[in-house]
Each structure stands twice: as structure tokens, then as C-alpha cells.
Amino acid sequence: MLVVRGGTVVDPIGSRAADVRIDGERIVEVGPELDASGAEVLDAGGALVIPGAIDVHTHFDLPVGAVRSADDFESGTIAAACGGTTCVIDFAGAGREPPVEALRTWHEKARGRAAIDYGFHLTVTEVPEDPAEAGARFRWFVSEGVTSVKLYLAYPERLMVDAATLRRALVAATAAGVLVCVHAEDGLEADRRTAELLAAGRAEPAALSLARPPEIEAAAVRAAAGLAAEVGAPLYVVHLSSAAGLEAVREARAAGANVLAETCPQYLFLTADRLEGPPDEAAGFVCVPPLRADADREALWRALGSGELQAVSTDHCPFTRADRRRGTRTGAGRWSAFTEIPGGLPGVETRLSLVFQGVRDGRLTPERWVELTSTAPARLFGLADRKGSISPGMDADIVVFDPAATKRLDARSLHMRTDHSPYADLTVTGWPAATISRGRVVALGGEPAAGLGGRGRFMARTASGPSGGRPPAGSQTGTSNG
């Protein structure tokens, strides 16, 4: 028995002074001044007590050409725990391998290594033309506990699907209770612009912003949302990065589409000027979609506060400096153009605190912060029966968050397995004092407990109904990464 005492509980119900009693892996009681007789007591000391954060967009142990993402399921989930995240959903699949193979491979990567609970999305690059066969495939996903898939509208050479494939996926997914996520960039236009830039001798990291401008994100959002509206399917846009993309989401909703969207900390804190420095330094800020202008950053913050965006995830896909320099081309030894720099930034450890800066700045309420980082991800991705709130019967995934603690986000002070941090010059206020995963303290003061490897469990997630089983878009209650 464990009692978390003396904190301010913040969850969808609101904020209130309350203790939390845990028996085994579950919360059994929440209320003021609970009897702690015979229980271990964790003194929250007036800090915030919140549901464990849920990151629904990670890429652990992902092969990208000649390199792979720096964190595997062990190091990535330990870092997540240190930063207050108690569950992740990783993308299974590195290319066009069959779903059965992708799922088997990702289970092997995670099993016996994850420190916190985890689930999978499946990357889908092909959907049978026969409706019965397509439906059977998506029902199989659900039977395997996978109730979300991602289709790419970018990367024609590896991952991109055409409109017909996306339409078939939306139809089959909606019938099966699977949520379709899209990487929204016009891949053909991005490739055309890239070819023009390279022909003109523009190979430096800053050219990435010209190759993949906001308008190609907006165009892809409109195209995907149009198909979703046509078939009556919900659609989830991953890593929305721009004001133009946000406006496309608004337009789609106004036209009746049920479009949900997330953004990521890199688009809230970093801007495209980071790509304009010395090439090796600028390479550390390469991600796709690329970093945007300050006006885009401000628009996304406003949308988080207003409820127009549903969640903040990370798209966690970091690389070491050596792998950045090496590039994705086998045998190359060093990248020669921005197209060969492995794309992706670290974030699984820093997300919760970075978004909390929005509370400190008056952009978000504490309740909205919890909604964006825990409650909405649980609800949207089939975990709300176990995670995302502090109430009896739920998994005892709890974070004691000290709103006054300070931390400099230098790579040396973090646990993600990369040797540089895009936020190295930033000191945040607010950091987890303790992280509890299914009743066990897995991190204290931002440091991991011993013996965590293999503790995490695969979360088979629940399907939704034909309408998506999710709140209306906009409701507050309801180059390799992607």
C-alpha cells in the first residue's frame, strides 16, 4: 500500500487538495487526509499530483538508412519515466514490410526492455483493394491490440500512399474502430522542390525549410481531411507544425470533417533560424516537418490554449552527433546534402516540463496541461479505461510534479541516449519529483530507480465505434521522423 500525501491533484475533474491511496497497481481511493495506517507514504509536499503523462508519438530503435534512432525501448522508456511519462505509443514499421512482420519485430524490440507501459501504432503503406480483405486486415489490427495506424503522404520512395490507398484505409479503419493518423506533407511537391534546390547548389540544412514549407503541410491536411469527410471517418494529423496547417485543420472542421491534431515541443520552442548556423551544428536541428517561424510557434500555442489542438506528443527520434554527421547513405561516411541528414529530435524526457512552461506563461491552465499531455492521449488512443486520470480503479500511473524545481535541458543532465540537446540553452521551471508506474516509484528527482528494465507491459488498446468514439474536433474535453 502506498499513499501519496499532501499534494494538489490535477486531472479532468479539476484541481483540489487530496491524497491518493494505491493498492498494488491500482488507485483505490482519492480524497483529503486519507488514513495512511500501515502504508508507505510519499510526501508530495504541496506539489502537483497528476496522471502519468502519455506520449503517443515515439520512434524507438528505428532504422533510418545507415543509422538508427539513438534510444531503444530500454533507454527511451527510462528517460520517459524520469520526465514524468508513464506510457508511450511507438510506431511499428520502418518501411513497406507487411504488418505482421512489423508488429512481430517491434514486440521483440520492446519485450523485456521497456521500463514503462507501451503500445503500438502500425505504419500502413498498402491496403487491399477488396473491401472484405481490407476490413479483415484492420479487424486483425484490433485483435492484436493495435487500434491506430499511420499513413504517410510524404516520402514517395519509401512510405507515401496515394489518395486511393488512404481512402480505403479510412473506410476499413472506421468500420473496425481504428483511428487513422497521417503525416501530412505533399510528398511529390516536397520532392520537386528538393530537386530544384539541389540543382541550384542549395544542400545546406537551411534549405530544408524551402523544400518543405508550410503550404505543403496545409495542402496535405486539406487533401486527407477531404477524404475523411467523404467517408465519414475521423482523422488524426500528427506533428502539426505551422499556422498554415492549423488553418487547413480549421477549414476542414468548418466543412464538417472530424479532424484531430497534435503538435510537438520543437514547434512550440524552436524556430527555423536554428538551421542557419554552421552545418554540423544546424544538422542537430533537422526534423520533418522542419522548424518554422516565430509566428507559427505563437499560433500553435494559442491553438493549444483554445482547444483547437488535441494533444502534445514528441515525435521522439533523436540521433547522436556522429550519426548526424554520418548521414543515412550507406558507405557515404558523411552527409553531402540536407536530404541525407537523419531527421528527428529528442523529447520523450522533456515534453511534460516544456508544456508546463505554458502554464507558467499563462497560456494554459493546469487542467489543460494535464489534458494535453495525458488525458486526451488516453482517450483518443484507447487507454482511457486504465490511464489518463486519477480515480479509483485506474492504473496507479502518477507524477508528483514540483512546479518550482528548475532544470537546464542540457544533454548531460538528461537520460535520453543522445549527446546533444536542442534545448541546451533553456532552463525550465517545473520538473517531476517522483514518477509512479502502476504503483511502483520508477523515478525520484528526475533519476531512475534501479531494476526497471522489462517492467513495462504492452497495452492492448480498445477499439472505438464507427464515429470514432472520440470528442468532436476542437473539444477540450473530448527526414526520417514523422
Protein backbone atom coordinates (compact mmCIF):
# COMPACT_ATOMS: atom_id res chain seq x y z
CA MET A 1 0.00 0.00 0.00
CA LEU A 2 1.26 3.47 -0.90
CA VAL A 3 -0.30 6.84 -0.08
CA VAL A 4 0.71 9.98 -1.96
CA ARG A 5 0.02 12.64 0.64
CA GLY A 6 -0.21 16.40 0.74
CA GLY A 7 -0.42 17.33 -2.91
CA THR A 8 -2.78 19.19 -5.23
CA VAL A 9 -4.41 16.65 -7.51
CA VAL A 10 -4.91 17.98 -11.05
CA ASP A 11 -6.90 15.98 -13.58
CA PRO A 12 -10.04 16.38 -15.72
CA ILE A 13 -12.19 16.88 -12.62
CA GLY A 14 -10.17 19.96 -11.69
CA SER A 15 -7.62 20.87 -9.02
CA ARG A 16 -8.11 20.03 -5.35
CA ALA A 17 -6.13 19.17 -2.25
CA ALA A 18 -6.24 15.37 -1.97
CA ASP A 19 -4.29 12.27 -1.08
CA VAL A 20 -4.11 9.22 -3.34
CA ARG A 21 -4.14 5.66 -1.98
CA ILE A 22 -2.59 2.93 -4.12
CA ASP A 23 -3.01 -0.78 -3.54
CA GLY A 24 -0.81 -2.89 -5.76
CA GLU A 25 -1.01 -1.48 -9.27
CA ARG A 26 -4.28 0.44 -8.93
CA ILE A 27 -5.61 3.60 -7.38
CA VAL A 28 -8.17 2.68 -4.74
CA GLU A 29 -9.07 5.99 -3.10
CA VAL A 30 -8.70 9.71 -3.70
CA GLY A 31 -9.65 12.26 -1.07
CA PRO A 32 -8.48 14.65 1.62
CA GLU A 33 -6.46 13.40 4.59
CA LEU A 34 -6.70 9.69 3.84
CA ASP A 35 -5.75 7.21 6.56
CA ALA A 36 -2.20 6.05 5.86
CA SER A 37 -2.02 3.41 8.62
CA GLY A 38 0.21 0.55 7.51
CA ALA A 39 1.03 2.23 4.20
CA GLU A 40 4.22 3.67 2.81
CA VAL A 41 3.82 7.43 2.49
CA LEU A 42 5.18 9.56 -0.32
CA ASP A 43 5.02 13.19 0.79
CA ALA A 44 4.07 15.40 -2.16
CA GLY A 45 4.86 18.49 -0.11
CA GLY A 46 2.21 20.64 -1.76
CA ALA A 47 3.37 19.77 -5.29
CA LEU A 48 1.03 18.93 -8.17
CA VAL A 49 -0.15 15.33 -8.37
CA ILE A 50 -1.13 14.46 -11.93
CA PRO A 51 -1.85 11.40 -14.08
CA GLY A 52 1.26 9.94 -15.65
CA ALA A 53 1.94 11.57 -18.99
CA ILE A 54 1.29 9.62 -22.20
CA ASP A 55 3.41 10.20 -25.30
CA VAL A 56 1.58 8.86 -28.34
CA HIS A 57 4.32 9.54 -30.90
CA THR A 58 7.75 7.95 -30.44
CA HIS A 59 10.25 6.22 -32.71
CA PHE A 60 12.45 3.95 -30.59
CA ASP A 61 15.17 1.84 -32.22
CA LEU A 62 14.11 2.98 -35.69
CA PRO A 63 16.46 2.14 -38.58
CA VAL A 64 16.93 5.07 -40.96
CA GLY A 65 19.24 4.10 -43.77
CA ALA A 66 22.75 3.63 -42.41
CA VAL A 67 21.87 4.77 -38.88
CA ARG A 68 19.14 4.26 -36.30
CA SER A 69 17.46 6.41 -33.66
CA ALA A 70 19.59 6.74 -30.55
CA ASP A 71 17.11 5.47 -27.97
CA ASP A 72 15.90 1.89 -27.84
CA PHE A 73 12.97 0.74 -25.72
CA GLU A 74 15.14 0.47 -22.62
CA SER A 75 16.89 3.84 -22.69
CA GLY A 76 13.90 5.65 -24.18
CA THR A 77 11.39 4.46 -21.61
CA ILE A 78 13.78 5.08 -18.70
CA ALA A 79 14.23 8.65 -19.94
CA ALA A 80 10.46 8.95 -20.32
CA ALA A 81 9.95 7.88 -16.70
CA CYS A 82 12.48 10.43 -15.48
CA GLY A 83 10.48 13.12 -17.26
CA GLY A 84 7.08 12.05 -15.95
CA THR A 85 5.83 9.88 -18.83
CA THR A 86 4.39 6.51 -17.83
CA CYS A 87 3.17 5.21 -21.20
CA VAL A 88 4.29 5.60 -24.81
CA ILE A 89 2.83 4.51 -28.14
CA ASP A 90 5.57 3.78 -30.65
CA PHE A 91 5.25 3.43 -34.42
CA ALA A 92 5.83 -0.15 -35.56
CA GLY A 93 7.27 -0.43 -39.04
CA ALA A 94 10.30 1.05 -40.75
CA GLY A 95 9.15 0.88 -44.36
CA ARG A 96 6.97 -1.29 -46.53
CA GLU A 97 7.27 -4.54 -44.57
CA PRO A 98 4.00 -6.44 -44.00
CA PRO A 99 2.10 -5.50 -40.80
CA VAL A 100 2.57 -8.97 -39.32
CA GLU A 101 6.34 -8.64 -39.68
CA ALA A 102 6.41 -5.08 -38.36
CA LEU A 103 4.38 -5.95 -35.29
CA ARG A 104 6.46 -9.04 -34.53
CA THR A 105 9.69 -7.04 -34.87
CA TRP A 106 8.51 -4.25 -32.59
CA HIS A 107 7.29 -6.68 -29.93
CA GLU A 108 10.76 -8.22 -29.98
CA LYS A 109 12.36 -4.79 -29.60
CA ALA A 110 10.24 -3.88 -26.58
CA ARG A 111 9.66 -7.14 -24.75
CA GLY A 112 11.77 -7.43 -21.61
CA ARG A 113 13.32 -3.99 -22.11
CA ALA A 114 10.66 -1.31 -21.60
CA ALA A 115 10.61 0.37 -18.18
CA ILE A 116 7.06 1.74 -18.56
CA ASP A 117 3.94 0.60 -20.36
CA TYR A 118 3.77 0.88 -24.13
CA GLY A 119 1.57 0.32 -27.14
CA PHE A 120 2.00 0.38 -30.90
CA HIS A 121 0.60 2.13 -33.90
CA LEU A 122 1.17 0.33 -37.19
CA THR A 123 2.65 2.05 -40.23
CA VAL A 124 0.46 1.18 -43.23
CA THR A 125 1.72 1.55 -46.79
CA GLU A 126 -0.71 -0.74 -48.62
CA VAL A 127 -4.42 -1.56 -48.25
CA PRO A 128 -6.12 -4.34 -50.21
CA GLU A 129 -8.48 -3.15 -52.93
CA ASP A 130 -11.02 -5.81 -51.96
CA PRO A 131 -13.16 -4.26 -49.18
CA ALA A 132 -13.64 -7.58 -47.39
CA GLU A 133 -9.91 -8.23 -47.32
CA ALA A 134 -9.19 -4.69 -46.18
CA GLY A 135 -11.78 -4.97 -43.43
CA ALA A 136 -10.33 -8.28 -42.24
CA ARG A 137 -6.87 -6.77 -42.06
CA PHE A 138 -7.98 -3.85 -39.91
CA ARG A 139 -10.01 -6.12 -37.64
CA TRP A 140 -6.82 -8.15 -37.19
CA PHE A 141 -5.05 -5.00 -36.05
CA VAL A 142 -7.72 -4.58 -33.36
CA SER A 143 -7.43 -8.22 -32.32
CA GLU A 144 -3.72 -7.56 -31.73
CA GLY A 145 -4.48 -4.56 -29.51
CA VAL A 146 -3.44 -2.03 -32.16
CA THR A 147 -6.23 0.46 -32.75
CA SER A 148 -4.40 3.20 -34.65
CA VAL A 149 -2.41 3.30 -37.86
CA LYS A 150 -0.33 5.89 -39.67
CA LEU A 151 -0.21 6.59 -43.36
CA TYR A 152 2.37 8.90 -44.89
CA LEU A 153 1.56 11.47 -47.55
CA ALA A 154 5.31 12.14 -47.79
CA TYR A 155 8.48 10.19 -48.77
CA PRO A 156 7.40 8.75 -52.16
CA GLU A 157 10.44 6.49 -52.34
CA ARG A 158 9.73 4.71 -49.06
CA LEU A 159 6.41 5.32 -47.39
CA MET A 160 3.96 7.54 -49.27
CA VAL A 161 0.48 6.31 -50.12
CA ASP A 162 -1.80 7.65 -52.82
CA ALA A 163 -5.29 9.05 -52.29
CA ALA A 164 -6.98 5.77 -53.20
CA THR A 165 -4.99 3.86 -50.59
CA LEU A 166 -5.75 6.45 -47.91
CA ARG A 167 -9.44 6.33 -48.77
CA ARG A 168 -9.51 2.53 -48.48
CA ALA A 169 -7.73 2.78 -45.13
CA LEU A 170 -10.23 5.33 -43.82
CA VAL A 171 -13.18 3.15 -44.80
CA ALA A 172 -11.77 -0.07 -43.34
CA ALA A 173 -10.43 1.63 -40.22
CA THR A 174 -13.70 3.34 -39.35
CA ALA A 175 -15.64 0.10 -39.64
CA ALA A 176 -13.09 -1.69 -37.43
CA GLY A 177 -12.76 1.05 -34.82
CA VAL A 178 -9.22 2.07 -35.79
CA LEU A 179 -8.04 5.69 -35.82
CA VAL A 180 -6.14 6.77 -38.95
CA CYS A 181 -3.21 9.12 -38.37
CA VAL A 182 -1.48 10.92 -41.22
CA HIS A 183 1.91 12.50 -41.76
CA ALA A 184 0.58 15.48 -43.69
CA GLU A 185 3.03 16.79 -46.26
CA ASP A 186 2.61 16.79 -50.02
CA GLY A 187 5.42 14.38 -50.79
CA LEU A 188 5.53 14.94 -54.55
CA GLU A 189 5.76 18.71 -54.13
CA ALA A 190 8.44 18.30 -51.45
CA ASP A 191 10.49 16.13 -53.81
CA ARG A 192 10.06 18.59 -56.68
CA ARG A 193 11.25 21.50 -54.53
CA THR A 194 14.12 19.43 -53.17
CA ALA A 195 15.35 18.56 -56.66
CA GLU A 196 15.28 22.23 -57.67
CA LEU A 197 17.22 23.27 -54.58
CA LEU A 198 19.89 20.62 -55.02
CA ALA A 199 20.26 21.52 -58.69
CA ALA A 200 20.84 25.12 -57.61
CA GLY A 201 23.55 24.05 -55.17
CA ARG A 202 21.41 24.51 -52.05
CA ALA A 203 22.42 21.47 -49.99
CA GLU A 204 22.81 23.06 -46.53
CA PRO A 205 20.38 22.33 -43.64
CA ALA A 206 18.63 25.70 -44.03
CA ALA A 207 17.38 24.59 -47.46
CA LEU A 208 15.12 22.06 -45.72
CA SER A 209 12.72 24.88 -44.85
CA LEU A 210 12.47 25.83 -48.51
CA ALA A 211 11.96 22.23 -49.60
CA ARG A 212 9.14 21.60 -47.11
CA PRO A 213 7.35 24.93 -46.50
CA PRO A 214 4.10 25.30 -44.54
CA GLU A 215 1.96 25.29 -47.68
CA ILE A 216 2.79 21.66 -48.45
CA GLU A 217 1.64 20.72 -44.94
CA ALA A 218 -1.59 22.65 -45.42
CA ALA A 219 -2.21 21.08 -48.83
CA ALA A 220 -1.83 17.58 -47.43
CA VAL A 221 -4.13 18.33 -44.48
CA ARG A 222 -6.82 19.55 -46.90
CA ALA A 223 -6.48 16.51 -49.12
CA ALA A 224 -6.61 13.99 -46.27
CA ALA A 225 -9.42 15.81 -44.48
CA GLY A 226 -11.45 15.90 -47.67
CA LEU A 227 -11.22 12.12 -47.98
CA ALA A 228 -12.06 11.65 -44.31
CA ALA A 229 -15.15 13.85 -44.62
CA GLU A 230 -16.22 11.97 -47.74
CA VAL A 231 -16.26 8.60 -45.96
CA GLY A 232 -17.30 9.90 -42.52
CA ALA A 233 -14.07 8.93 -40.79
CA PRO A 234 -12.15 10.67 -38.01
CA LEU A 235 -8.62 11.72 -38.92
CA TYR A 236 -5.65 12.49 -36.65
CA VAL A 237 -2.90 14.75 -38.00
CA VAL A 238 0.48 14.09 -36.41
CA HIS A 239 3.12 16.74 -35.63
CA LEU A 240 1.25 19.79 -36.96
CA SER A 241 3.94 22.44 -37.35
CA SER A 242 2.55 25.61 -38.91
CA ALA A 243 -0.10 28.29 -38.85
CA ALA A 244 -0.99 27.33 -42.43
CA GLY A 245 -1.51 23.72 -41.42
CA LEU A 246 -3.62 24.85 -38.47
CA GLU A 247 -5.78 26.99 -40.75
CA ALA A 248 -6.31 23.97 -43.01
CA VAL A 249 -7.49 22.00 -39.97
CA ARG A 250 -9.93 24.80 -39.10
CA GLU A 251 -11.26 24.90 -42.66
CA ALA A 252 -11.78 21.14 -42.68
CA ARG A 253 -13.68 21.24 -39.41
CA ALA A 254 -15.84 24.11 -40.66
CA ALA A 255 -16.70 21.93 -43.65
CA GLY A 256 -17.78 19.09 -41.34
CA ALA A 257 -14.69 16.90 -41.14
CA ASN A 258 -13.74 15.32 -37.81
CA VAL A 259 -10.07 16.26 -37.81
CA LEU A 260 -7.95 15.93 -34.68
CA ALA A 261 -4.37 17.16 -34.45
CA GLU A 262 -1.30 17.18 -32.25
CA THR A 263 1.79 19.32 -32.18
CA CYS A 264 5.23 18.78 -30.63
CA PRO A 265 7.51 20.78 -28.31
CA GLN A 266 10.01 21.54 -31.07
CA TYR A 267 7.37 23.57 -32.89
CA LEU A 268 6.49 25.43 -29.68
CA PHE A 269 10.04 26.36 -28.62
CA LEU A 270 12.37 26.26 -31.65
CA THR A 271 12.39 28.22 -34.89
CA ALA A 272 13.93 27.82 -38.33
CA ASP A 273 16.83 30.16 -37.62
CA ARG A 274 18.45 27.19 -35.82
CA LEU A 275 19.04 25.66 -39.27
CA GLU A 276 21.12 28.61 -40.44
CA GLY A 277 24.24 28.10 -38.31
CA PRO A 278 27.41 26.11 -39.10
CA PRO A 279 26.33 22.96 -40.97
CA ASP A 280 27.28 20.39 -38.32
CA GLU A 281 25.57 22.44 -35.61
CA ALA A 282 22.50 23.12 -37.75
CA ALA A 283 22.22 19.39 -38.53
CA GLY A 284 21.28 18.85 -34.89
CA PHE A 285 18.02 20.72 -35.51
CA VAL A 286 16.89 18.83 -38.61
CA CYS A 287 13.44 17.32 -38.29
CA VAL A 288 10.48 16.79 -40.60
CA PRO A 289 8.32 18.82 -40.83
CA PRO A 290 11.07 21.40 -40.34
CA LEU A 291 11.16 24.08 -37.70
CA ARG A 292 9.05 27.12 -38.59
CA ALA A 293 8.83 30.85 -37.95
CA ASP A 294 8.04 32.53 -34.65
CA ALA A 295 4.53 33.36 -35.92
CA ASP A 296 3.86 29.64 -36.41
CA ARG A 297 5.08 28.91 -32.90
CA GLU A 298 2.74 31.51 -31.44
CA ALA A 299 -0.23 30.25 -33.46
CA LEU A 300 0.28 26.72 -32.16
CA TRP A 301 0.48 27.89 -28.54
CA ARG A 302 -2.79 29.80 -28.97
CA ALA A 303 -4.42 26.72 -30.51
CA LEU A 304 -3.36 24.59 -27.55
CA GLY A 305 -4.95 27.05 -25.15
CA SER A 306 -8.18 27.36 -27.15
CA GLY A 307 -8.69 23.61 -27.58
CA GLU A 308 -8.12 23.59 -31.34
CA LEU A 309 -5.27 21.12 -30.91
CA GLN A 310 -5.94 17.93 -29.00
CA ALA A 311 -2.54 16.79 -27.73
CA VAL A 312 1.18 17.42 -27.48
CA SER A 313 3.40 14.47 -28.34
CA THR A 314 7.11 14.37 -29.17
CA ASP A 315 7.89 12.55 -32.42
CA HIS A 316 10.91 11.42 -30.36
CA CYS A 317 13.53 10.28 -32.89
CA PRO A 318 17.00 11.51 -31.83
CA PHE A 319 20.42 10.73 -33.24
CA THR A 320 23.94 11.14 -31.93
CA ARG A 321 26.25 13.79 -33.38
CA ALA A 322 28.29 11.05 -35.05
CA ASP A 323 25.23 9.57 -36.74
CA ARG A 324 24.06 13.03 -37.81
CA ARG A 325 27.45 13.59 -39.47
CA ARG A 326 27.50 10.11 -40.99
CA GLY A 327 24.12 10.55 -42.64
CA THR A 328 21.67 7.99 -43.90
CA ARG A 329 23.52 6.90 -47.05
CA THR A 330 25.27 3.55 -46.60
CA GLY A 331 29.02 3.87 -47.06
CA ALA A 332 28.93 7.63 -47.51
CA GLY A 333 30.90 8.49 -44.37
CA ARG A 334 29.37 11.94 -44.20
CA TRP A 335 26.18 13.63 -45.40
CA SER A 336 26.50 15.74 -48.52
CA ALA A 337 23.02 17.32 -48.58
CA PHE A 338 20.21 18.05 -46.17
CA THR A 339 18.32 15.08 -47.63
CA GLU A 340 20.90 12.73 -46.07
CA ILE A 341 20.77 14.12 -42.52
CA PRO A 342 18.71 11.80 -40.28
CA GLY A 343 15.74 13.82 -39.11
CA GLY A 344 14.30 13.87 -35.63
CA LEU A 345 14.75 15.46 -32.21
CA PRO A 346 14.73 14.16 -28.63
CA GLY A 347 11.73 14.95 -26.47
CA VAL A 348 10.34 12.00 -24.52
CA GLU A 349 12.01 13.15 -21.29
CA THR A 350 11.42 16.89 -21.61
CA ARG A 351 7.87 17.16 -23.04
CA LEU A 352 5.91 17.35 -19.79
CA SER A 353 8.03 20.14 -18.37
CA LEU A 354 8.27 22.05 -21.64
CA VAL A 355 4.49 22.15 -21.98
CA PHE A 356 4.24 23.21 -18.33
CA GLN A 357 6.03 26.40 -19.33
CA GLY A 358 2.74 27.27 -20.98
CA VAL A 359 1.10 27.16 -17.55
CA ARG A 360 3.79 29.41 -16.14
CA ASP A 361 3.33 31.86 -19.00
CA GLY A 362 -0.44 31.95 -18.61
CA ARG A 363 -1.07 30.25 -21.95
CA LEU A 364 -2.56 27.10 -20.38
CA THR A 365 -4.44 26.24 -17.20
CA PRO A 366 -3.01 23.37 -15.14
CA GLU A 367 -6.03 21.28 -16.12
CA ARG A 368 -5.44 21.95 -19.81
CA TRP A 369 -1.78 20.99 -19.41
CA VAL A 370 -2.84 17.62 -18.00
CA GLU A 371 -5.46 17.23 -20.73
CA LEU A 372 -2.90 17.77 -23.49
CA THR A 373 -0.19 15.51 -22.08
CA SER A 374 -2.20 12.69 -20.51
CA THR A 375 -6.00 12.68 -20.53
CA ALA A 376 -6.65 13.40 -24.20
CA PRO A 377 -3.95 11.00 -25.43
CA ALA A 378 -5.51 8.27 -23.26
CA ARG A 379 -8.99 9.00 -24.57
CA LEU A 380 -8.07 9.34 -28.23
CA PHE A 381 -5.93 6.21 -28.35
CA GLY A 382 -7.96 3.66 -26.42
CA LEU A 383 -6.35 3.87 -22.98
CA ALA A 384 -8.94 5.84 -21.02
CA ASP A 385 -10.23 2.75 -19.23
CA ARG A 386 -6.86 2.45 -17.47
CA LYS A 387 -4.85 5.64 -17.79
CA GLY A 388 -5.10 9.41 -18.02
CA SER A 389 -6.93 10.28 -14.79
CA ILE A 390 -6.60 9.93 -11.04
CA SER A 391 -9.61 7.98 -9.83
CA PRO A 392 -10.32 4.64 -8.16
CA GLY A 393 -9.82 1.64 -10.40
CA MET A 394 -7.32 3.33 -12.71
CA ASP A 395 -3.72 2.25 -13.12
CA ALA A 396 -1.58 3.92 -10.46
CA ASP A 397 0.37 5.98 -13.00
CA ILE A 398 1.02 9.18 -11.08
CA VAL A 399 3.51 12.03 -11.24
CA VAL A 400 4.36 14.29 -8.33
CA PHE A 401 5.34 17.42 -10.21
CA ASP A 402 7.28 20.16 -8.43
CA PRO A 403 6.27 23.44 -10.10
CA ALA A 404 9.23 25.27 -8.54
CA ALA A 405 12.04 22.87 -9.48
CA THR A 406 14.43 24.13 -12.13
CA LYS A 407 16.38 22.13 -14.67
CA ARG A 408 18.70 23.06 -17.51
CA LEU A 409 17.90 20.89 -20.52
CA ASP A 410 21.47 20.07 -21.41
CA ALA A 411 22.09 16.55 -22.70
CA ARG A 412 24.42 15.82 -19.78
CA SER A 413 21.59 16.32 -17.29
CA LEU A 414 19.15 14.10 -19.18
CA HIS A 415 18.83 10.38 -19.79
CA MET A 416 17.97 10.21 -23.49
CA ARG A 417 20.78 8.44 -25.30
CA THR A 418 21.98 11.36 -27.37
CA ASP A 419 24.93 13.66 -26.85
CA HIS A 420 23.26 16.94 -27.73
CA SER A 421 20.02 18.68 -26.83
CA PRO A 422 18.08 21.15 -28.98
CA TYR A 423 17.06 22.88 -25.73
CA ALA A 424 20.57 23.06 -24.23
CA ASP A 425 20.29 26.82 -23.68
CA LEU A 426 16.92 26.55 -21.92
CA THR A 427 16.32 26.26 -18.17
CA VAL A 428 12.76 25.19 -17.32
CA THR A 429 10.87 25.70 -14.09
CA GLY A 430 8.81 22.68 -13.10
CA TRP A 431 10.09 19.09 -13.10
CA PRO A 432 8.85 15.72 -11.79
CA ALA A 433 9.83 14.99 -8.20
CA ALA A 434 8.53 11.41 -8.46
CA THR A 435 7.10 9.18 -11.14
CA ILE A 436 4.95 6.17 -10.24
CA SER A 437 4.15 3.50 -12.82
CA ARG A 438 1.44 1.00 -11.87
CA GLY A 439 2.13 1.56 -8.19
CA ARG A 440 5.91 1.46 -8.26
CA VAL A 441 8.14 4.50 -7.92
CA VAL A 442 10.24 4.41 -11.09
CA ALA A 443 11.96 7.81 -10.81
CA LEU A 444 12.78 10.21 -7.98
CA GLY A 445 14.10 13.73 -8.50
CA GLY A 446 14.48 13.07 -12.20
CA GLU A 447 16.68 10.00 -11.67
CA PRO A 448 15.60 6.42 -12.47
CA ALA A 449 15.04 3.75 -9.86
CA ALA A 450 17.02 0.53 -10.12
CA GLY A 451 15.81 -2.57 -11.91
CA LEU A 452 13.33 -1.02 -14.33
CA GLY A 453 14.24 -2.91 -17.48
CA GLY A 454 11.44 -5.20 -18.65
CA ARG A 455 8.89 -3.83 -16.19
CA GLY A 456 6.73 -2.20 -18.84
CA ARG A 457 3.77 -4.05 -20.31
CA PHE A 458 2.26 -3.99 -23.76
CA MET A 459 -1.06 -2.16 -23.64
CA ALA A 460 -3.60 -3.81 -25.91
CA ARG A 461 -5.87 -0.87 -26.67
CA THR A 462 -9.62 -0.75 -27.17
CA ALA A 463 -11.36 -0.01 -30.45
CA SER A 464 -13.80 2.81 -30.98
CA GLY A 465 -17.16 2.81 -32.71
CA PRO A 466 -17.91 3.85 -36.30
CA SER A 467 -17.98 7.53 -35.28
CA GLY A 468 -14.54 7.22 -33.77
CA GLY A 469 -15.80 7.16 -30.18
CA ARG A 470 -13.97 10.43 -29.68
CA PRO A 471 -14.99 14.00 -28.95
CA PRO A 472 -15.73 16.46 -31.74
CA ALA A 473 -12.71 18.13 -33.24
CA GLY A 474 -11.69 21.15 -31.22
CA SER A 475 -13.20 19.88 -27.97
CA GLN A 476 -11.12 20.49 -24.85
CA THR A 477 -12.64 17.54 -23.12
CA GLY A 478 -13.15 15.45 -25.64
CA THR A 479 13.96 13.40 -42.66
CA SER A 480 13.04 10.39 -41.39
CA ASN A 481 10.93 11.12 -38.45
CA GLY A 482 7.20 11.56 -38.87
